Amino acid sequence: MSWVQALARPDILALKPYEHATWEPSLERLHANELPWRAASDGSAAGLNRYPEPQPRALIERLAELYSVPAASVLVGRGSDEAIDLLTRAFCRAGRDSILICPPTFGMYAVCGRIQGAGVIQAPLTAGDFALDVEAVLGRCGPDTKLLFLCSPNNPTGNLLDEAGMLRLARELAGRALVVVDEAYIEFSARPSLARLIPQLPNLAILRTLSKAHGLAGARCGALLADPQVIALLRKVIPPYAITQLTLEAVLDALEPAARARSSAGIDVILRERQRLLTALPRLACVTRVWPSDSNFVLAEFDDAGAALARSRDARLLVRDARGYPGLGRALRITVGTPEQNGRLLEALQ
């Protein structure tokens, strides 16, 4: 029995996946109960009257090239959220298994765990600097803890987690748990992805998304990068047509060389504007603390966060209320916007 088989839900291992209509684009389709003509408003390249290709090969290959992993290590889904949900459903038995999270962090890990009926164990980041507490994580990982979710750069705090600590956790939890590192914001940092280490640490899985750096939040496209055994398991669970034809065409266009160059230039603008906010916010009388950021947002503490929210809204700007997170009772999360938006925000907070 492989390590994936030992960790996965037995009923998922035994599951016979849904058999979608055969994908043979060289033949005319009379096998999927589709309408044989397009709708009048259909401007897509392939036609929306046809089901899209399940796990589109062209997209898988393009993402494999983008993230420097083999195609067999890529599962594409509707943003990172779908991968989080699939992992939880495939590995956690309701009422028996658990996930471990390190708050304050992205809320979908706990939501997916609770929807599945899994336990949600917490090993909080250290107070003040939001560092990864490796010993606390290891101490709280029980025999039924199947998934450890780490977000680096972390949302909502913006900081990178210690790489050596994450790799130690992957090594020490080998055969016991899958260590899932969410790298949704990694393009805004100077650190390379941990995906390069999956061959040496097969219980390491990486979440990537096109929502942030590539400006495709509305397209809903992300990827799980993992050992091929993990990918094969989740292919049994993912809906057959997770990626729409419109998303497929939009993403393939966005990953052409010229579009990627524009994305890279946009990241440079965000990094300059992030530094502008990191420099200007601490000078404001209403701001009591600003944390370092390796993401496309800045976390700031205010003497009166409610008043700062109201002033932002008066300037027709929405910022994220982070006061519900543990240890962030006076904090707001500010996405780095355009130079004009950032200037308007700073003026409003004067």
Protein backbone atom coordinates (compact mmCIF):
# COMPACT_ATOMS: atom_id res chain seq x y z
CA MET A 1 0.00 0.00 0.00
CA SER A 2 1.37 3.42 -0.98
CA TRP A 3 1.52 6.35 1.44
CA VAL A 4 -1.36 8.06 -0.41
CA GLN A 5 -3.52 4.96 -0.09
CA ALA A 6 -2.70 4.80 3.62
CA LEU A 7 -3.80 8.43 4.15
CA ALA A 8 -6.80 8.68 1.84
CA ARG A 9 -10.37 7.78 2.70
CA PRO A 10 -10.92 4.09 1.89
CA ASP A 11 -14.26 4.86 0.24
CA ILE A 12 -12.58 7.36 -2.10
CA LEU A 13 -9.95 4.79 -3.01
CA ALA A 14 -12.74 2.36 -3.88
CA LEU A 15 -14.81 4.98 -5.70
CA LYS A 16 -15.53 4.43 -9.38
CA PRO A 17 -15.40 7.95 -10.82
CA TYR A 18 -18.06 9.41 -13.08
CA GLU A 19 -17.49 8.46 -16.72
CA HIS A 20 -17.79 11.64 -18.74
CA ALA A 21 -18.45 11.70 -22.47
CA THR A 22 -15.42 10.56 -24.47
CA TRP A 23 -13.18 13.43 -25.57
CA GLU A 24 -12.26 12.89 -29.24
CA PRO A 25 -12.29 16.29 -30.98
CA SER A 26 -11.55 14.75 -34.40
CA LEU A 27 -15.02 13.13 -34.43
CA GLU A 28 -18.44 14.76 -34.69
CA ARG A 29 -20.29 14.63 -31.38
CA LEU A 30 -23.56 12.73 -31.11
CA HIS A 31 -22.77 11.13 -27.75
CA ALA A 32 -23.15 13.86 -25.08
CA ASN A 33 -26.73 15.11 -25.59
CA GLU A 34 -25.51 18.56 -26.65
CA LEU A 35 -27.28 20.94 -29.00
CA PRO A 36 -25.59 20.71 -32.45
CA TRP A 37 -25.49 24.49 -33.03
CA ARG A 38 -24.29 27.52 -31.10
CA ALA A 39 -26.42 30.07 -29.31
CA ALA A 40 -26.69 33.39 -31.14
CA SER A 41 -24.66 35.17 -28.46
CA ASP A 42 -21.83 32.60 -28.41
CA GLY A 43 -18.54 34.26 -29.31
CA SER A 44 -16.24 31.56 -27.96
CA ALA A 45 -13.64 29.85 -30.12
CA ALA A 46 -14.80 26.28 -29.52
CA GLY A 47 -18.52 26.76 -29.02
CA LEU A 48 -20.41 26.84 -25.73
CA ASN A 49 -22.91 24.30 -26.97
CA ARG A 50 -20.23 21.64 -26.38
CA TYR A 51 -18.99 20.41 -23.02
CA PRO A 52 -15.41 21.51 -22.38
CA GLU A 53 -12.55 19.04 -22.15
CA PRO A 54 -12.24 17.60 -18.62
CA GLN A 55 -8.86 18.63 -17.16
CA PRO A 56 -7.90 20.33 -20.46
CA ARG A 57 -4.59 19.01 -21.71
CA ALA A 58 -3.46 22.31 -23.23
CA LEU A 59 -4.09 24.11 -19.94
CA ILE A 60 -2.41 21.41 -17.86
CA GLU A 61 0.68 21.59 -20.06
CA ARG A 62 0.74 25.40 -19.94
CA LEU A 63 0.45 25.42 -16.14
CA ALA A 64 3.09 22.71 -15.83
CA GLU A 65 5.44 24.92 -17.83
CA LEU A 66 4.50 28.02 -15.82
CA TYR A 67 5.11 26.31 -12.48
CA SER A 68 8.05 24.12 -13.58
CA VAL A 69 6.51 20.78 -12.66
CA PRO A 70 5.56 17.68 -14.69
CA ALA A 71 2.06 17.66 -16.18
CA ALA A 72 1.22 14.60 -14.08
CA SER A 73 1.67 16.77 -10.98
CA VAL A 74 -1.01 19.33 -11.97
CA LEU A 75 -4.71 19.35 -11.17
CA VAL A 76 -6.61 22.39 -12.45
CA GLY A 77 -9.73 23.63 -10.70
CA ARG A 78 -11.92 26.60 -9.89
CA GLY A 79 -9.37 28.66 -8.00
CA SER A 80 -7.46 27.35 -5.00
CA ASP A 81 -10.74 26.97 -3.13
CA GLU A 82 -11.77 23.90 -5.11
CA ALA A 83 -8.46 22.18 -4.41
CA ILE A 84 -8.82 22.87 -0.68
CA ASP A 85 -12.28 21.33 -0.75
CA LEU A 86 -11.18 18.31 -2.80
CA LEU A 87 -8.23 17.59 -0.52
CA THR A 88 -10.43 17.73 2.55
CA ARG A 89 -13.06 15.46 1.05
CA ALA A 90 -10.53 12.94 -0.28
CA PHE A 91 -8.46 12.59 2.89
CA CYS A 92 -10.76 13.31 5.84
CA ARG A 93 -13.43 10.95 7.16
CA ALA A 94 -16.30 12.86 8.74
CA GLY A 95 -16.25 12.66 12.51
CA ARG A 96 -12.87 10.90 12.61
CA ASP A 97 -10.10 12.80 10.84
CA SER A 98 -8.88 16.37 11.24
CA ILE A 99 -7.03 19.18 9.53
CA LEU A 100 -4.56 21.54 11.20
CA ILE A 101 -4.41 25.28 10.54
CA CYS A 102 -2.23 28.11 11.85
CA PRO A 103 -4.40 31.16 12.55
CA PRO A 104 -4.71 33.95 11.74
CA THR A 105 -4.92 32.55 8.22
CA PHE A 106 -7.14 32.07 5.18
CA GLY A 107 -10.62 31.11 6.32
CA MET A 108 -11.45 28.54 3.64
CA TYR A 109 -9.29 25.84 5.24
CA ALA A 110 -11.48 25.71 8.34
CA VAL A 111 -14.70 26.16 6.35
CA CYS A 112 -13.93 23.17 4.11
CA GLY A 113 -12.90 21.10 7.11
CA ARG A 114 -16.13 21.81 8.96
CA ILE A 115 -18.29 21.22 5.88
CA GLN A 116 -16.68 17.79 5.57
CA GLY A 117 -17.23 17.08 9.27
CA ALA A 118 -13.50 16.96 9.99
CA GLY A 119 -11.96 18.31 13.16
CA VAL A 120 -10.17 21.64 12.89
CA ILE A 121 -7.06 21.79 15.10
CA GLN A 122 -5.25 25.08 15.60
CA ALA A 123 -1.57 25.83 16.17
CA PRO A 124 -1.55 29.64 16.06
CA LEU A 125 1.24 31.67 14.52
CA THR A 126 3.35 33.36 17.17
CA ALA A 127 1.94 36.58 18.57
CA GLY A 128 3.28 39.83 17.16
CA ASP A 129 5.35 38.57 14.24
CA PHE A 130 3.06 35.77 13.01
CA ALA A 131 5.87 33.24 12.69
CA LEU A 132 5.35 29.52 12.21
CA ASP A 133 5.56 27.62 15.51
CA VAL A 134 6.94 24.29 14.30
CA GLU A 135 6.99 22.64 17.72
CA ALA A 136 3.38 23.59 18.40
CA VAL A 137 2.32 22.17 15.03
CA LEU A 138 4.12 18.89 15.64
CA GLY A 139 2.72 18.69 19.15
CA ARG A 140 -0.86 19.10 17.94
CA CYS A 141 -0.70 16.79 14.91
CA GLY A 142 -2.44 13.64 16.09
CA PRO A 143 -2.69 10.23 14.39
CA ASP A 144 -5.92 11.30 12.64
CA THR A 145 -4.57 14.65 11.38
CA LYS A 146 -4.48 14.17 7.62
CA LEU A 147 -3.89 17.69 6.28
CA LEU A 148 -1.74 20.60 7.47
CA PHE A 149 -2.57 23.88 5.71
CA LEU A 150 0.12 26.58 5.64
CA CYS A 151 -0.30 29.90 3.82
CA SER A 152 2.92 31.58 2.67
CA PRO A 153 2.79 34.53 2.16
CA ASN A 154 0.09 34.33 4.78
CA ASN A 155 -3.35 35.87 4.39
CA PRO A 156 -4.21 38.20 6.16
CA THR A 157 -0.82 38.99 7.70
CA GLY A 158 1.22 39.20 4.48
CA ASN A 159 4.41 37.54 5.75
CA LEU A 160 6.31 34.57 4.38
CA LEU A 161 6.50 31.58 6.71
CA ASP A 162 9.93 30.16 7.50
CA GLU A 163 10.91 27.84 4.64
CA ALA A 164 13.13 25.62 6.78
CA GLY A 165 10.27 25.18 9.24
CA MET A 166 7.79 24.21 6.53
CA LEU A 167 10.22 21.68 5.07
CA ARG A 168 10.92 20.22 8.49
CA LEU A 169 7.19 19.71 8.97
CA ALA A 170 6.94 17.96 5.61
CA ARG A 171 9.81 15.64 6.52
CA GLU A 172 8.57 14.85 10.01
CA LEU A 173 4.98 14.28 8.87
CA ALA A 174 5.93 12.04 5.93
CA GLY A 175 3.57 9.10 5.84
CA ARG A 176 1.33 10.76 8.45
CA ALA A 177 -0.11 13.88 6.83
CA LEU A 178 -0.11 15.91 3.64
CA VAL A 179 1.49 19.35 4.09
CA VAL A 180 -0.36 21.82 1.85
CA VAL A 181 1.37 25.16 1.27
CA ASP A 182 -0.87 27.86 -0.20
CA GLU A 183 1.27 30.09 -2.42
CA ALA A 184 -1.50 32.32 -3.75
CA TYR A 185 0.69 35.42 -3.25
CA ILE A 186 4.15 33.99 -3.93
CA GLU A 187 4.62 36.08 -7.11
CA PHE A 188 4.73 39.21 -4.93
CA SER A 189 7.65 37.87 -2.89
CA ALA A 190 11.28 37.17 -3.75
CA ARG A 191 11.06 33.50 -2.72
CA PRO A 192 10.81 30.66 -5.26
CA SER A 193 7.97 28.19 -5.03
CA LEU A 194 8.38 25.06 -2.93
CA ALA A 195 6.93 23.04 -5.81
CA ARG A 196 10.47 22.25 -6.89
CA LEU A 197 10.81 20.02 -3.81
CA ILE A 198 7.79 17.77 -4.41
CA PRO A 199 9.92 14.96 -5.90
CA GLN A 200 11.99 14.82 -2.68
CA LEU A 201 9.02 15.44 -0.36
CA PRO A 202 6.01 13.70 -1.96
CA ASN A 203 3.74 14.58 0.99
CA LEU A 204 4.21 18.26 0.09
CA ALA A 205 1.44 19.85 -2.01
CA ILE A 206 1.32 23.40 -3.35
CA LEU A 207 -1.70 25.60 -4.10
CA ARG A 208 -1.31 28.17 -6.89
CA THR A 209 -3.83 30.55 -8.42
CA LEU A 210 -4.14 32.81 -11.44
CA SER A 211 -6.46 35.12 -9.50
CA LYS A 212 -3.81 37.43 -8.08
CA ALA A 213 -0.66 38.06 -10.10
CA HIS A 214 -2.31 37.25 -13.44
CA GLY A 215 -5.44 39.33 -12.82
CA LEU A 216 -7.88 36.46 -13.43
CA ALA A 217 -9.92 36.38 -10.23
CA GLY A 218 -13.15 36.36 -12.23
CA ALA A 219 -12.04 33.43 -14.38
CA ARG A 220 -11.75 31.13 -11.34
CA CYS A 221 -8.72 29.08 -12.24
CA GLY A 222 -6.13 27.63 -9.91
CA ALA A 223 -3.93 24.59 -9.63
CA LEU A 224 -2.85 21.98 -7.15
CA LEU A 225 0.75 20.87 -7.63
CA ALA A 226 1.41 17.54 -5.96
CA ASP A 227 2.75 14.02 -6.25
CA PRO A 228 1.06 12.26 -9.21
CA GLN A 229 -0.60 9.81 -6.79
CA VAL A 230 -2.37 12.70 -5.08
CA ILE A 231 -3.42 14.18 -8.43
CA ALA A 232 -4.78 10.81 -9.59
CA LEU A 233 -6.81 10.47 -6.38
CA LEU A 234 -8.38 13.93 -6.70
CA ARG A 235 -9.20 13.35 -10.37
CA LYS A 236 -11.68 10.76 -9.09
CA VAL A 237 -13.45 13.41 -7.01
CA ILE A 238 -13.37 16.61 -9.06
CA PRO A 239 -16.48 17.32 -11.20
CA PRO A 240 -15.86 16.33 -14.84
CA TYR A 241 -16.28 19.82 -16.34
CA ALA A 242 -14.74 22.02 -13.64
CA ILE A 243 -13.16 24.45 -16.12
CA THR A 244 -15.57 26.23 -18.44
CA GLN A 245 -14.73 26.80 -22.09
CA LEU A 246 -14.69 30.58 -21.58
CA THR A 247 -12.26 30.21 -18.66
CA LEU A 248 -10.06 27.86 -20.68
CA GLU A 249 -9.81 30.29 -23.58
CA ALA A 250 -9.24 33.30 -21.32
CA VAL A 251 -6.51 31.56 -19.33
CA LEU A 252 -4.66 30.24 -22.36
CA ASP A 253 -4.65 33.77 -23.81
CA ALA A 254 -3.42 35.18 -20.48
CA LEU A 255 -0.51 32.74 -20.43
CA GLU A 256 0.83 33.70 -23.84
CA PRO A 257 4.32 35.29 -23.62
CA ALA A 258 3.15 38.84 -24.30
CA ALA A 259 0.41 38.62 -21.68
CA ARG A 260 2.82 37.15 -19.14
CA ALA A 261 5.18 40.05 -19.76
CA ARG A 262 2.33 42.48 -19.03
CA SER A 263 1.55 40.58 -15.83
CA SER A 264 5.18 40.83 -14.78
CA ALA A 265 5.16 44.58 -15.41
CA GLY A 266 1.98 44.87 -13.35
CA ILE A 267 3.61 43.04 -10.46
CA ASP A 268 6.45 45.59 -10.56
CA VAL A 269 3.90 48.39 -10.17
CA ILE A 270 2.25 46.62 -7.23
CA LEU A 271 5.63 46.15 -5.52
CA ARG A 272 6.45 49.85 -5.87
CA GLU A 273 3.04 50.87 -4.59
CA ARG A 274 3.28 48.36 -1.73
CA GLN A 275 6.49 50.02 -0.61
CA ARG A 276 4.76 53.38 -0.87
CA LEU A 277 2.04 52.22 1.53
CA LEU A 278 4.57 50.56 3.86
CA THR A 279 6.43 53.85 4.05
CA ALA A 280 3.46 56.25 4.26
CA LEU A 281 1.04 54.42 6.55
CA PRO A 282 3.28 54.41 9.67
CA ARG A 283 3.55 58.21 9.39
CA LEU A 284 -0.19 58.67 9.84
CA ALA A 285 -1.35 59.60 13.33
CA CYS A 286 -4.22 57.08 13.20
CA VAL A 287 -1.92 54.12 12.44
CA THR A 288 -0.27 52.33 15.36
CA ARG A 289 1.50 49.53 13.49
CA VAL A 290 2.16 48.26 9.98
CA TRP A 291 3.46 44.75 9.45
CA PRO A 292 6.00 43.82 6.73
CA SER A 293 4.41 42.38 3.58
CA ASP A 294 5.49 39.95 0.87
CA SER A 295 2.05 39.95 -0.74
CA ASN A 296 -0.15 42.36 -2.69
CA PHE A 297 -1.72 43.75 0.48
CA VAL A 298 -0.67 45.49 3.68
CA LEU A 299 -1.90 44.76 7.20
CA ALA A 300 -2.14 47.84 9.42
CA GLU A 301 -3.29 48.43 12.99
CA PHE A 302 -5.25 51.60 13.81
CA ASP A 303 -6.11 53.41 17.01
CA ASP A 304 -9.72 53.32 15.79
CA ALA A 305 -10.18 50.77 12.99
CA GLY A 306 -13.90 51.53 12.70
CA ALA A 307 -13.22 55.19 12.01
CA ALA A 308 -10.55 54.26 9.45
CA LEU A 309 -13.04 51.98 7.70
CA ALA A 310 -15.57 54.82 7.57
CA ARG A 311 -13.02 57.29 6.17
CA SER A 312 -12.06 54.77 3.49
CA ARG A 313 -15.69 54.31 2.49
CA ASP A 314 -16.14 58.08 2.35
CA ALA A 315 -13.32 58.06 -0.22
CA ARG A 316 -15.27 55.37 -2.15
CA LEU A 317 -12.74 52.69 -1.22
CA LEU A 318 -13.33 49.31 0.43
CA VAL A 319 -10.65 47.81 2.65
CA ARG A 320 -10.95 44.52 4.52
CA ASP A 321 -11.97 44.52 8.17
CA ALA A 322 -9.52 42.07 9.81
CA ARG A 323 -10.69 42.59 13.39
CA GLY A 324 -12.38 39.19 13.48
CA TYR A 325 -9.05 37.35 13.23
CA PRO A 326 -7.33 36.31 16.48
CA GLY A 327 -4.80 38.89 17.59
CA LEU A 328 -5.96 41.48 15.05
CA GLY A 329 -8.57 43.35 17.04
CA ARG A 330 -7.68 46.76 15.54
CA ALA A 331 -6.37 45.73 12.12
CA LEU A 332 -7.42 46.38 8.53
CA ARG A 333 -6.11 44.60 5.44
CA ILE A 334 -5.47 46.98 2.56
CA THR A 335 -5.07 45.64 -0.97
CA VAL A 336 -2.45 47.53 -2.97
CA GLY A 337 -4.37 49.39 -5.67
CA THR A 338 -3.49 51.78 -8.46
CA PRO A 339 -1.29 54.76 -7.63
CA GLU A 340 -4.38 56.99 -7.74
CA GLN A 341 -6.36 54.70 -5.41
CA ASN A 342 -3.49 54.42 -2.96
CA GLY A 343 -3.06 58.18 -2.91
CA ARG A 344 -6.79 58.67 -2.30
CA LEU A 345 -6.68 56.18 0.58
CA LEU A 346 -3.71 57.87 2.24
CA GLU A 347 -5.37 61.25 1.90
CA ALA A 348 -8.57 59.92 3.44
CA LEU A 349 -6.67 58.50 6.41
CA GLN A 350 -4.70 61.71 7.07
